Amino acid sequence: MEGIGRAMGGQQVWRTPVAPGVPGAHHEGGTRMGSDPKTSVVNRYGQSWDIPNLFVIGSSTFPTMGTGFNPTLTIQALAYYSADAIVNRYRNSPGALL
């Protein structure tokens, strides 16, 4: 990151030490959430387009990280939303896309 910043003309770098054994960030991307199976991996419930009984919960469904805010509460809200869909929708129609 520092190299990218300097290549863009950045003059000053602030480093924050990371405690041993504690991750320094939430990792996002890789299983993008969306409304089109051609451009996303999971639907709004975190359900895989290709494997209907697979639900992905976590920040990997975010295409990118929002700036300036910790995503923990958003992750928790989406986990609750997905769990509710699994219990109240998917359980009634196993194997169906929600």
N, C-alpha and C. Protein backbone atom coordinates (compact mmCIF):
# COMPACT_ATOMS: atom_id res chain seq x y z
N MET A 1 0.83 -1.18 0.00
CA MET A 1 0.00 0.00 0.00
C MET A 1 0.87 1.25 0.00
N GLU A 2 1.93 1.20 0.77
CA GLU A 2 2.81 2.36 0.82
C GLU A 2 3.41 2.65 -0.56
N GLY A 3 3.82 1.58 -1.25
CA GLY A 3 4.39 1.75 -2.59
C GLY A 3 3.40 2.35 -3.56
N ILE A 4 2.16 1.93 -3.48
CA ILE A 4 1.12 2.48 -4.35
C ILE A 4 0.93 3.96 -4.04
N GLY A 5 0.85 4.29 -2.76
CA GLY A 5 0.68 5.69 -2.36
C GLY A 5 1.82 6.56 -2.84
N ARG A 6 3.04 6.08 -2.69
CA ARG A 6 4.21 6.86 -3.14
C ARG A 6 4.21 7.01 -4.66
N ALA A 7 3.84 5.92 -5.38
CA ALA A 7 3.79 5.99 -6.85
C ALA A 7 2.76 7.01 -7.31
N MET A 8 1.75 7.27 -6.48
CA MET A 8 0.72 8.25 -6.81
C MET A 8 1.10 9.65 -6.34
N GLY A 9 2.30 9.79 -5.78
CA GLY A 9 2.77 11.10 -5.36
C GLY A 9 2.58 11.40 -3.88
N GLY A 10 2.20 10.38 -3.10
CA GLY A 10 2.03 10.59 -1.66
C GLY A 10 3.34 10.96 -0.99
N GLN A 11 3.30 11.93 -0.11
CA GLN A 11 4.51 12.41 0.56
C GLN A 11 4.64 11.88 1.99
N GLN A 12 3.54 11.55 2.62
CA GLN A 12 3.57 11.18 4.02
C GLN A 12 2.85 9.84 4.23
N VAL A 13 3.43 8.99 5.08
CA VAL A 13 2.85 7.68 5.36
C VAL A 13 2.64 7.56 6.86
N TRP A 14 1.47 7.09 7.25
CA TRP A 14 1.19 6.81 8.66
C TRP A 14 1.04 5.32 8.81
N ARG A 15 1.80 4.72 9.67
CA ARG A 15 1.71 3.28 9.89
C ARG A 15 1.10 3.03 11.26
N THR A 16 0.22 2.06 11.32
CA THR A 16 -0.38 1.65 12.57
C THR A 16 0.11 0.24 12.88
N PRO A 17 0.74 0.06 14.04
CA PRO A 17 1.20 -1.29 14.35
C PRO A 17 0.02 -2.23 14.56
N VAL A 18 0.19 -3.45 14.09
CA VAL A 18 -0.84 -4.47 14.25
C VAL A 18 -0.40 -5.41 15.37
N ALA A 19 -1.29 -5.63 16.33
CA ALA A 19 -0.97 -6.52 17.45
C ALA A 19 -0.74 -7.93 16.93
N PRO A 20 0.21 -8.65 17.52
CA PRO A 20 0.47 -10.03 17.08
C PRO A 20 -0.78 -10.91 17.21
N GLY A 21 -1.07 -11.65 16.16
CA GLY A 21 -2.20 -12.56 16.19
C GLY A 21 -3.55 -11.91 15.94
N VAL A 22 -3.56 -10.61 15.74
CA VAL A 22 -4.83 -9.90 15.50
C VAL A 22 -4.83 -9.41 14.07
N PRO A 23 -5.82 -9.83 13.26
CA PRO A 23 -5.85 -9.34 11.88
C PRO A 23 -6.06 -7.83 11.84
N GLY A 24 -5.47 -7.20 10.85
CA GLY A 24 -5.54 -5.75 10.75
C GLY A 24 -6.67 -5.23 9.90
N ALA A 25 -7.46 -6.12 9.30
CA ALA A 25 -8.51 -5.64 8.41
C ALA A 25 -9.56 -6.72 8.20
N HIS A 26 -10.70 -6.30 7.70
CA HIS A 26 -11.71 -7.26 7.24
C HIS A 26 -11.40 -7.53 5.78
N HIS A 27 -11.46 -8.76 5.40
CA HIS A 27 -11.17 -9.11 4.02
C HIS A 27 -12.48 -9.17 3.25
N GLU A 28 -12.49 -8.56 2.08
CA GLU A 28 -13.71 -8.54 1.29
C GLU A 28 -13.42 -8.97 -0.14
N GLY A 29 -14.49 -9.29 -0.84
CA GLY A 29 -14.35 -9.69 -2.23
C GLY A 29 -14.24 -11.20 -2.38
N GLY A 30 -14.37 -11.66 -3.59
CA GLY A 30 -14.22 -13.08 -3.87
C GLY A 30 -15.53 -13.79 -4.10
N THR A 31 -16.57 -13.39 -3.37
CA THR A 31 -17.90 -14.00 -3.56
C THR A 31 -18.93 -12.89 -3.64
N ARG A 32 -18.77 -12.04 -4.60
CA ARG A 32 -19.59 -10.84 -4.76
C ARG A 32 -21.09 -11.12 -4.73
N MET A 33 -21.82 -10.28 -4.01
CA MET A 33 -23.27 -10.35 -3.93
C MET A 33 -23.87 -9.50 -5.04
N GLY A 34 -24.95 -10.00 -5.64
CA GLY A 34 -25.61 -9.22 -6.67
C GLY A 34 -26.92 -9.83 -7.11
N SER A 35 -27.55 -9.20 -8.09
CA SER A 35 -28.85 -9.67 -8.56
C SER A 35 -28.76 -10.41 -9.89
N ASP A 36 -27.56 -10.53 -10.44
CA ASP A 36 -27.37 -11.19 -11.73
C ASP A 36 -26.31 -12.29 -11.60
N PRO A 37 -26.68 -13.54 -11.86
CA PRO A 37 -25.72 -14.64 -11.74
C PRO A 37 -24.51 -14.49 -12.68
N LYS A 38 -24.64 -13.68 -13.72
CA LYS A 38 -23.52 -13.49 -14.65
C LYS A 38 -22.44 -12.59 -14.07
N THR A 39 -22.81 -11.74 -13.11
CA THR A 39 -21.85 -10.78 -12.57
C THR A 39 -21.64 -10.90 -11.06
N SER A 40 -22.24 -11.92 -10.45
CA SER A 40 -22.09 -12.10 -9.00
C SER A 40 -22.07 -13.58 -8.67
N VAL A 41 -21.64 -13.90 -7.46
CA VAL A 41 -21.51 -15.28 -7.01
C VAL A 41 -22.71 -15.69 -6.16
N VAL A 42 -23.22 -14.75 -5.36
CA VAL A 42 -24.35 -15.05 -4.47
C VAL A 42 -25.46 -14.01 -4.66
N ASN A 43 -26.68 -14.39 -4.28
CA ASN A 43 -27.80 -13.44 -4.33
C ASN A 43 -27.85 -12.61 -3.05
N ARG A 44 -28.89 -11.84 -2.86
CA ARG A 44 -28.97 -10.93 -1.71
C ARG A 44 -29.06 -11.64 -0.38
N TYR A 45 -29.34 -12.94 -0.39
CA TYR A 45 -29.39 -13.72 0.85
C TYR A 45 -28.06 -14.42 1.12
N GLY A 46 -27.08 -14.23 0.24
CA GLY A 46 -25.80 -14.91 0.38
C GLY A 46 -25.84 -16.32 -0.19
N GLN A 47 -26.89 -16.65 -0.92
CA GLN A 47 -27.08 -17.98 -1.49
C GLN A 47 -26.35 -18.07 -2.82
N SER A 48 -25.56 -19.11 -2.98
CA SER A 48 -24.82 -19.33 -4.22
C SER A 48 -25.78 -19.53 -5.39
N TRP A 49 -25.47 -18.87 -6.50
CA TRP A 49 -26.28 -19.05 -7.71
C TRP A 49 -26.12 -20.47 -8.25
N ASP A 50 -24.92 -21.05 -8.09
CA ASP A 50 -24.63 -22.36 -8.68
C ASP A 50 -24.93 -23.55 -7.76
N ILE A 51 -24.86 -23.34 -6.46
CA ILE A 51 -25.09 -24.41 -5.49
C ILE A 51 -26.12 -23.90 -4.50
N PRO A 52 -27.41 -24.14 -4.73
CA PRO A 52 -28.47 -23.54 -3.94
C PRO A 52 -28.42 -23.80 -2.43
N ASN A 53 -27.80 -24.90 -2.00
CA ASN A 53 -27.74 -25.15 -0.56
C ASN A 53 -26.47 -24.59 0.08
N LEU A 54 -25.75 -23.74 -0.64
CA LEU A 54 -24.55 -23.08 -0.12
C LEU A 54 -24.84 -21.61 0.12
N PHE A 55 -24.68 -21.18 1.36
CA PHE A 55 -24.86 -19.77 1.73
C PHE A 55 -23.53 -19.25 2.23
N VAL A 56 -23.10 -18.11 1.72
CA VAL A 56 -21.83 -17.50 2.09
C VAL A 56 -22.13 -16.30 2.98
N ILE A 57 -21.61 -16.33 4.19
CA ILE A 57 -21.86 -15.27 5.16
C ILE A 57 -20.54 -14.58 5.48
N GLY A 58 -20.52 -13.27 5.38
CA GLY A 58 -19.31 -12.52 5.73
C GLY A 58 -19.00 -11.44 4.71
N SER A 59 -17.92 -10.75 4.94
CA SER A 59 -17.57 -9.61 4.09
C SER A 59 -17.01 -10.00 2.74
N SER A 60 -16.83 -11.30 2.49
CA SER A 60 -16.35 -11.70 1.16
C SER A 60 -17.39 -11.39 0.08
N THR A 61 -18.64 -11.16 0.49
CA THR A 61 -19.69 -10.84 -0.48
C THR A 61 -19.68 -9.37 -0.88
N PHE A 62 -18.88 -8.56 -0.20
CA PHE A 62 -18.78 -7.13 -0.54
C PHE A 62 -17.86 -6.97 -1.74
N PRO A 63 -18.23 -6.18 -2.74
CA PRO A 63 -17.33 -5.95 -3.87
C PRO A 63 -16.12 -5.13 -3.46
N THR A 64 -16.28 -4.28 -2.47
CA THR A 64 -15.19 -3.46 -1.98
C THR A 64 -15.55 -2.99 -0.57
N MET A 65 -14.61 -2.42 0.14
CA MET A 65 -14.86 -1.96 1.50
C MET A 65 -15.28 -0.50 1.48
N GLY A 66 -16.32 -0.18 2.21
CA GLY A 66 -16.73 1.22 2.34
C GLY A 66 -15.64 2.00 3.07
N THR A 67 -15.57 3.26 2.83
CA THR A 67 -14.51 4.06 3.44
C THR A 67 -14.95 4.64 4.77
N GLY A 68 -14.07 4.56 5.73
CA GLY A 68 -14.26 5.24 7.00
C GLY A 68 -15.14 4.56 8.01
N PHE A 69 -15.69 3.41 7.71
CA PHE A 69 -16.59 2.75 8.65
C PHE A 69 -16.21 1.29 8.82
N ASN A 70 -16.28 0.81 10.04
CA ASN A 70 -16.04 -0.59 10.33
C ASN A 70 -17.26 -1.38 9.81
N PRO A 71 -17.05 -2.46 9.07
CA PRO A 71 -18.16 -3.19 8.46
C PRO A 71 -18.83 -4.23 9.37
N THR A 72 -18.39 -4.32 10.62
CA THR A 72 -18.89 -5.39 11.49
C THR A 72 -20.41 -5.40 11.61
N LEU A 73 -21.04 -4.26 11.83
CA LEU A 73 -22.49 -4.24 11.99
C LEU A 73 -23.21 -4.60 10.70
N THR A 74 -22.65 -4.22 9.56
CA THR A 74 -23.24 -4.60 8.27
C THR A 74 -23.13 -6.11 8.08
N ILE A 75 -21.99 -6.68 8.43
CA ILE A 75 -21.80 -8.12 8.33
C ILE A 75 -22.80 -8.84 9.23
N GLN A 76 -22.98 -8.34 10.45
CA GLN A 76 -23.94 -8.95 11.37
C GLN A 76 -25.37 -8.85 10.83
N ALA A 77 -25.72 -7.71 10.27
CA ALA A 77 -27.07 -7.53 9.72
C ALA A 77 -27.31 -8.48 8.55
N LEU A 78 -26.32 -8.62 7.67
CA LEU A 78 -26.47 -9.54 6.54
C LEU A 78 -26.53 -10.99 7.01
N ALA A 79 -25.77 -11.33 8.05
CA ALA A 79 -25.83 -12.69 8.60
C ALA A 79 -27.22 -12.98 9.14
N TYR A 80 -27.80 -12.03 9.84
CA TYR A 80 -29.16 -12.19 10.36
C TYR A 80 -30.16 -12.32 9.20
N TYR A 81 -30.00 -11.48 8.20
CA TYR A 81 -30.88 -11.50 7.02
C TYR A 81 -30.81 -12.87 6.32
N SER A 82 -29.59 -13.39 6.17
CA SER A 82 -29.41 -14.70 5.54
C SER A 82 -30.00 -15.82 6.39
N ALA A 83 -29.74 -15.76 7.69
CA ALA A 83 -30.27 -16.80 8.59
C ALA A 83 -31.79 -16.80 8.57
N ASP A 84 -32.39 -15.62 8.56
CA ASP A 84 -33.85 -15.52 8.49
C ASP A 84 -34.37 -16.14 7.19
N ALA A 85 -33.70 -15.88 6.08
CA ALA A 85 -34.12 -16.44 4.80
C ALA A 85 -33.98 -17.97 4.79
N ILE A 86 -32.92 -18.47 5.40
CA ILE A 86 -32.72 -19.92 5.45
C ILE A 86 -33.84 -20.58 6.26
N VAL A 87 -34.14 -20.02 7.41
CA VAL A 87 -35.16 -20.60 8.30
C VAL A 87 -36.57 -20.43 7.74
N ASN A 88 -36.87 -19.26 7.24
CA ASN A 88 -38.26 -18.96 6.85
C ASN A 88 -38.58 -19.13 5.37
N ARG A 89 -37.58 -19.30 4.53
CA ARG A 89 -37.84 -19.47 3.10
C ARG A 89 -37.24 -20.77 2.57
N TYR A 90 -35.92 -20.92 2.75
CA TYR A 90 -35.23 -22.06 2.16
C TYR A 90 -35.69 -23.38 2.76
N ARG A 91 -35.91 -23.40 4.05
CA ARG A 91 -36.33 -24.64 4.73
C ARG A 91 -37.65 -25.17 4.15
N ASN A 92 -38.49 -24.26 3.68
CA ASN A 92 -39.78 -24.66 3.07
C ASN A 92 -39.62 -25.17 1.64
N SER A 93 -38.53 -24.79 0.97
CA SER A 93 -38.30 -25.20 -0.42
C SER A 93 -36.82 -25.53 -0.61
N PRO A 94 -36.32 -26.59 0.03
CA PRO A 94 -34.89 -26.93 -0.09
C PRO A 94 -34.48 -27.09 -1.56
N GLY A 95 -33.33 -26.54 -1.91
CA GLY A 95 -32.82 -26.65 -3.25
C GLY A 95 -33.26 -25.54 -4.19
N ALA A 96 -34.20 -24.71 -3.72
CA ALA A 96 -34.70 -23.61 -4.57
C ALA A 96 -33.86 -22.36 -4.37
N LEU A 97 -33.73 -21.56 -5.41
CA LEU A 97 -33.10 -20.27 -5.27
C LEU A 97 -34.12 -19.33 -4.65
N LEU A 98 -33.70 -18.55 -3.69
CA LEU A 98 -34.60 -17.62 -3.01
C LEU A 98 -34.74 -16.32 -3.78
